Amino acid sequence: MEWWQAFVLGLVQGLTEFLPVSSSGHLLIFKELVGADAEGFLDFTVTVHFATVLATIVVFWNAIWNLLKGLFQFKYNDETDYVCKILVSCIPVALVGFLFKDQVEAMFSGELWQVGVGLCITAALLIFSDNAGKRFKVPVAKDTRNGISYWQALVVGVAQAFAVTPGVSRSGSTIATGLICGVKRESMAQFSFLMVLIPIVGEQMLDVLKMATGASSFGEGVGSLPLVLGFVAAFFSGLFACKVMIAIVKKAKLTWFALYCLLVAVLIFILG
């Protein structure tokens, strides 16, 4: 992978990770557009995802720090409740990671039409979530502690597990599912971005452990410079996109992103 390809792909990852348009799908699309090699691409994907996780930590640092302080008081307070619900939301994606890791990795070497299908699924979820409250009168959680219940956290976690498929947006599917389940927009925005920290950081730690034991060599076929440039580009563009997405989720309609996903899907089906 050339340095400029890594930089472009890092920007794409950072700008699309927090927008409900599927960062993994866009990475595969732009990989084809810039002509990047497939060798080592999964390691590159993990690296730029980790960069956007760090961007999330920076943006939500005050909230994360307060959660940690409350958690280590060793009593069931609001912070402990919130962390427990995040852990519950991670159960589905953890099961997918342990049981279907090879199948998930194979998706990233698949055909672009699969990304198009995933984008259509994302679009359907976004449109439905914008209209669910009006047409189906989904009850909004009012008295639930921290704005989200355990069952809502689990259902949102199932949506995150399905979002390992390229083209299915993680932020889009989790936010849309939360809204459909009755979680308020302002509560869902923060929860959606924080719930991804544990799976991505955990995956990165497993990769580091494999390297330390000699079980694998990370980044082989990519090179150090492309990995660093991709990481930096994803981190700084992710800082911008995360702040923008928080404002969008609280106010704007997600249907506009659905239309974008459908447009990209149509282009893939026609040109791919």
Protein backbone atom coordinates (compact mmCIF):
# COMPACT_ATOMS: atom_id res chain seq x y z
CA MET A 1 0.00 0.00 0.00
CA GLU A 2 1.33 3.43 -0.97
CA TRP A 3 1.50 6.23 1.60
CA TRP A 4 -1.04 8.40 -0.22
CA GLN A 5 -3.48 5.51 -0.48
CA ALA A 6 -3.21 4.98 3.27
CA PHE A 7 -3.76 8.68 3.91
CA VAL A 8 -6.89 8.80 1.73
CA LEU A 9 -8.29 5.63 3.30
CA GLY A 10 -7.58 7.01 6.78
CA LEU A 11 -9.54 10.17 5.96
CA VAL A 12 -12.41 8.05 4.64
CA GLN A 13 -12.45 5.96 7.81
CA GLY A 14 -12.43 8.97 10.11
CA LEU A 15 -15.12 10.88 8.23
CA THR A 16 -17.47 7.90 7.87
CA GLU A 17 -17.01 6.05 11.17
CA PHE A 18 -19.40 8.29 13.08
CA LEU A 19 -21.73 9.05 10.20
CA PRO A 20 -24.43 6.40 9.55
CA VAL A 21 -23.04 5.42 6.14
CA SER A 22 -20.74 2.44 6.98
CA SER A 23 -17.04 3.18 7.32
CA SER A 24 -16.10 -0.43 6.50
CA GLY A 25 -18.14 -0.30 3.32
CA HIS A 26 -16.56 2.98 2.27
CA LEU A 27 -13.09 1.61 3.00
CA LEU A 28 -13.73 -1.27 0.60
CA ILE A 29 -15.13 1.10 -2.03
CA PHE A 30 -12.18 3.49 -1.81
CA LYS A 31 -9.72 0.59 -1.69
CA GLU A 32 -10.91 -0.27 -5.18
CA LEU A 33 -10.97 3.38 -6.31
CA VAL A 34 -7.36 4.09 -5.25
CA GLY A 35 -6.13 0.64 -6.31
CA ALA A 36 -4.77 -0.41 -2.90
CA ASP A 37 -3.50 -3.98 -2.50
CA ALA A 38 -5.65 -6.44 -0.62
CA GLU A 39 -2.64 -7.84 1.26
CA GLY A 40 -2.65 -6.63 4.84
CA PHE A 41 -5.84 -4.61 4.32
CA LEU A 42 -7.59 -6.16 7.32
CA ASP A 43 -4.72 -5.10 9.59
CA PHE A 44 -4.95 -1.60 8.13
CA THR A 45 -8.70 -1.59 8.78
CA VAL A 46 -8.16 -2.55 12.44
CA THR A 47 -5.55 0.21 12.80
CA VAL A 48 -7.72 3.02 11.46
CA HIS A 49 -10.69 1.77 13.48
CA PHE A 50 -8.52 2.00 16.58
CA ALA A 51 -7.66 5.58 15.60
CA THR A 52 -11.32 6.54 15.53
CA VAL A 53 -11.81 4.84 18.89
CA LEU A 54 -9.13 7.15 20.31
CA ALA A 55 -10.96 10.08 18.73
CA THR A 56 -14.11 8.92 20.54
CA ILE A 57 -12.21 8.81 23.83
CA VAL A 58 -10.96 12.37 23.32
CA VAL A 59 -14.43 13.72 22.49
CA PHE A 60 -16.15 11.89 25.36
CA TRP A 61 -13.25 12.09 27.82
CA ASN A 62 -15.23 13.91 30.54
CA ALA A 63 -18.06 11.38 30.35
CA ILE A 64 -15.63 8.44 30.35
CA TRP A 65 -13.68 9.84 33.30
CA ASN A 66 -16.87 10.34 35.31
CA LEU A 67 -17.95 6.78 34.50
CA LEU A 68 -14.62 5.42 35.71
CA LYS A 69 -14.71 7.45 38.92
CA GLY A 70 -18.24 6.28 39.66
CA LEU A 71 -17.41 2.66 38.78
CA PHE A 72 -14.51 2.50 41.24
CA GLN A 73 -16.68 3.65 44.09
CA PHE A 74 -17.74 -0.03 44.08
CA LYS A 75 -21.44 0.59 44.52
CA TYR A 76 -24.40 0.43 42.16
CA ASN A 77 -24.69 4.07 41.19
CA ASP A 78 -25.62 5.72 37.89
CA GLU A 79 -22.11 5.25 36.52
CA THR A 80 -21.99 1.54 37.39
CA ASP A 81 -25.43 1.10 35.84
CA TYR A 82 -24.26 2.75 32.60
CA VAL A 83 -21.06 0.68 32.38
CA CYS A 84 -23.01 -2.54 33.00
CA LYS A 85 -25.37 -1.68 30.17
CA ILE A 86 -22.41 -1.03 27.86
CA LEU A 87 -21.03 -4.46 28.80
CA VAL A 88 -24.41 -6.06 28.06
CA SER A 89 -24.43 -4.37 24.64
CA CYS A 90 -21.03 -5.93 23.88
CA ILE A 91 -22.18 -9.53 24.40
CA PRO A 92 -23.61 -10.10 20.88
CA VAL A 93 -20.59 -8.71 19.00
CA ALA A 94 -18.24 -10.68 21.29
CA LEU A 95 -20.07 -13.91 20.40
CA VAL A 96 -19.83 -13.08 16.69
CA GLY A 97 -16.12 -12.32 17.06
CA PHE A 98 -15.33 -15.59 18.84
CA LEU A 99 -17.61 -17.89 16.83
CA PHE A 100 -17.50 -16.38 13.33
CA LYS A 101 -14.15 -14.55 13.14
CA ASP A 102 -13.04 -16.29 9.92
CA GLN A 103 -16.37 -15.63 8.20
CA VAL A 104 -16.24 -11.95 9.19
CA GLU A 105 -12.69 -11.58 7.86
CA ALA A 106 -13.74 -13.22 4.61
CA MET A 107 -16.35 -10.50 4.09
CA PHE A 108 -13.60 -7.93 3.68
CA SER A 109 -12.29 -9.74 0.62
CA GLY A 110 -15.72 -10.14 -0.96
CA GLU A 111 -17.42 -8.43 -3.87
CA LEU A 112 -18.56 -4.80 -3.80
CA TRP A 113 -22.17 -5.82 -4.45
CA GLN A 114 -22.22 -7.13 -0.88
CA VAL A 115 -21.40 -3.60 0.30
CA GLY A 116 -24.30 -2.33 -1.81
CA VAL A 117 -26.69 -4.75 -0.12
CA GLY A 118 -25.41 -3.67 3.29
CA LEU A 119 -25.93 0.00 2.41
CA CYS A 120 -29.53 -0.77 1.41
CA ILE A 121 -30.09 -2.41 4.80
CA THR A 122 -28.61 0.64 6.51
CA ALA A 123 -30.87 2.95 4.51
CA ALA A 124 -33.96 0.92 5.43
CA LEU A 125 -33.10 1.09 9.14
CA LEU A 126 -32.47 4.84 9.04
CA ILE A 127 -35.72 5.58 7.23
CA PHE A 128 -37.71 3.31 9.55
CA SER A 129 -36.20 4.87 12.68
CA ASP A 130 -37.11 8.39 11.52
CA ASN A 131 -40.72 7.34 10.97
CA ALA A 132 -41.22 4.71 13.68
CA GLY A 133 -42.20 7.19 16.38
CA LYS A 134 -44.81 8.89 14.20
CA ARG A 135 -46.40 5.91 12.47
CA PHE A 136 -45.97 3.14 15.03
CA LYS A 137 -45.99 5.23 18.22
CA VAL A 138 -42.92 3.61 19.76
CA PRO A 139 -42.88 4.47 23.47
CA VAL A 140 -39.95 6.68 24.47
CA ALA A 141 -38.05 5.60 27.57
CA LYS A 142 -38.78 8.23 30.24
CA ASP A 143 -37.99 6.87 33.68
CA THR A 144 -35.28 4.41 32.63
CA ARG A 145 -32.04 4.93 34.49
CA ASN A 146 -29.49 6.72 32.26
CA GLY A 147 -32.08 6.90 29.49
CA ILE A 148 -31.65 3.27 28.37
CA SER A 149 -32.73 -0.05 29.85
CA TYR A 150 -30.88 -3.37 29.88
CA TRP A 151 -33.12 -4.91 27.24
CA GLN A 152 -32.67 -1.86 25.01
CA ALA A 153 -28.88 -2.09 25.47
CA LEU A 154 -28.97 -5.77 24.47
CA VAL A 155 -31.09 -5.12 21.36
CA VAL A 156 -28.76 -2.29 20.32
CA GLY A 157 -25.87 -4.71 20.89
CA VAL A 158 -27.47 -7.19 18.49
CA ALA A 159 -27.60 -4.40 15.90
CA GLN A 160 -23.90 -3.75 16.47
CA ALA A 161 -23.16 -7.44 15.91
CA PHE A 162 -24.94 -7.39 12.55
CA ALA A 163 -22.95 -4.29 11.62
CA VAL A 164 -19.74 -6.32 11.23
CA THR A 165 -21.01 -6.81 7.67
CA PRO A 166 -19.43 -4.29 5.27
CA GLY A 167 -22.02 -1.77 4.16
CA VAL A 168 -24.10 -2.04 7.34
CA SER A 169 -23.27 1.07 9.35
CA ARG A 170 -22.42 0.43 12.99
CA SER A 171 -23.40 3.89 14.20
CA GLY A 172 -26.40 3.95 11.87
CA SER A 173 -27.73 0.55 12.90
CA THR A 174 -27.19 1.08 16.63
CA ILE A 175 -28.65 4.60 16.70
CA ALA A 176 -31.58 3.61 14.50
CA THR A 177 -32.30 0.50 16.57
CA GLY A 178 -32.13 2.51 19.78
CA LEU A 179 -34.58 5.09 18.43
CA ILE A 180 -36.92 2.33 17.25
CA CYS A 181 -36.80 0.80 20.75
CA GLY A 182 -37.78 4.13 22.28
CA VAL A 183 -34.43 5.50 23.48
CA LYS A 184 -34.23 9.29 23.33
CA ARG A 185 -31.94 10.75 20.66
CA GLU A 186 -29.57 12.50 23.07
CA SER A 187 -29.15 9.33 25.14
CA MET A 188 -28.64 7.11 22.10
CA ALA A 189 -25.97 9.31 20.53
CA GLN A 190 -23.55 8.99 23.45
CA PHE A 191 -24.33 5.34 24.16
CA SER A 192 -23.77 4.36 20.52
CA PHE A 193 -20.32 5.92 20.41
CA LEU A 194 -19.21 4.61 23.81
CA MET A 195 -20.39 1.03 23.31
CA VAL A 196 -17.89 0.48 20.48
CA LEU A 197 -14.85 1.22 22.67
CA ILE A 198 -14.65 -2.17 24.38
CA PRO A 199 -14.92 -4.38 21.22
CA ILE A 200 -12.37 -2.37 19.20
CA VAL A 201 -9.89 -1.95 22.06
CA GLY A 202 -10.30 -5.64 22.90
CA GLU A 203 -9.62 -6.66 19.30
CA GLN A 204 -6.53 -4.45 19.22
CA MET A 205 -5.22 -6.00 22.45
CA LEU A 206 -5.71 -9.50 21.03
CA ASP A 207 -3.67 -8.51 17.96
CA VAL A 208 -0.90 -7.14 20.19
CA LEU A 209 -0.96 -10.38 22.22
CA LYS A 210 -0.64 -12.46 19.04
CA MET A 211 2.34 -10.40 17.93
CA ALA A 212 3.99 -10.72 21.34
CA THR A 213 3.64 -14.52 21.27
CA GLY A 214 4.79 -14.72 17.65
CA ALA A 215 1.45 -16.10 16.49
CA SER A 216 1.08 -13.39 13.85
CA SER A 217 2.89 -10.42 12.33
CA PHE A 218 0.71 -7.32 12.30
CA GLY A 219 0.79 -5.02 9.30
CA GLU A 220 2.68 -7.38 7.01
CA GLY A 221 2.05 -6.31 3.43
CA VAL A 222 1.14 -2.75 4.41
CA GLY A 223 4.28 -1.18 5.83
CA SER A 224 4.92 1.06 8.83
CA LEU A 225 4.58 4.43 7.07
CA PRO A 226 1.15 3.70 5.54
CA LEU A 227 -0.11 2.41 8.90
CA VAL A 228 1.07 5.56 10.70
CA LEU A 229 -0.33 7.93 8.07
CA GLY A 230 -3.64 6.08 7.98
CA PHE A 231 -3.83 6.20 11.76
CA VAL A 232 -3.14 9.94 11.93
CA ALA A 233 -5.58 10.79 9.13
CA ALA A 234 -8.33 8.66 10.71
CA PHE A 235 -7.77 10.15 14.16
CA PHE A 236 -8.01 13.82 13.22
CA SER A 237 -10.82 13.41 10.70
CA GLY A 238 -12.60 11.26 13.29
CA LEU A 239 -12.42 14.06 15.86
CA PHE A 240 -14.25 16.32 13.43
CA ALA A 241 -16.83 13.74 12.34
CA CYS A 242 -17.65 12.62 15.89
CA LYS A 243 -18.56 16.15 17.00
CA VAL A 244 -20.59 16.71 13.86
CA MET A 245 -22.50 13.44 14.26
CA ILE A 246 -23.46 14.20 17.86
CA ALA A 247 -25.15 17.40 16.70
CA ILE A 248 -26.80 15.64 13.76
CA VAL A 249 -28.29 12.79 15.80
CA LYS A 250 -29.83 15.24 18.25
CA LYS A 251 -31.49 17.40 15.58
CA ALA A 252 -31.38 16.24 11.96
CA LYS A 253 -33.34 13.53 10.18
CA LEU A 254 -31.40 10.35 9.44
CA THR A 255 -33.38 9.91 6.22
CA TRP A 256 -30.92 12.18 4.40
CA PHE A 257 -28.13 9.69 5.15
CA ALA A 258 -30.43 6.89 4.02
CA LEU A 259 -30.80 8.57 0.63
CA TYR A 260 -27.03 8.87 0.37
CA CYS A 261 -26.60 5.16 1.19
CA LEU A 262 -29.15 4.23 -1.48
CA LEU A 263 -27.39 6.43 -4.04
CA VAL A 264 -24.02 4.80 -3.37
CA ALA A 265 -25.63 1.34 -3.48
CA VAL A 266 -27.20 2.09 -6.86
CA LEU A 267 -23.84 3.27 -8.22
CA ILE A 268 -22.20 0.06 -6.98
CA PHE A 269 -24.85 -2.11 -8.64
CA ILE A 270 -24.55 -0.18 -11.91
CA LEU A 271 -20.78 0.31 -12.11
CA GLY A 272 -19.59 -2.65 -10.06
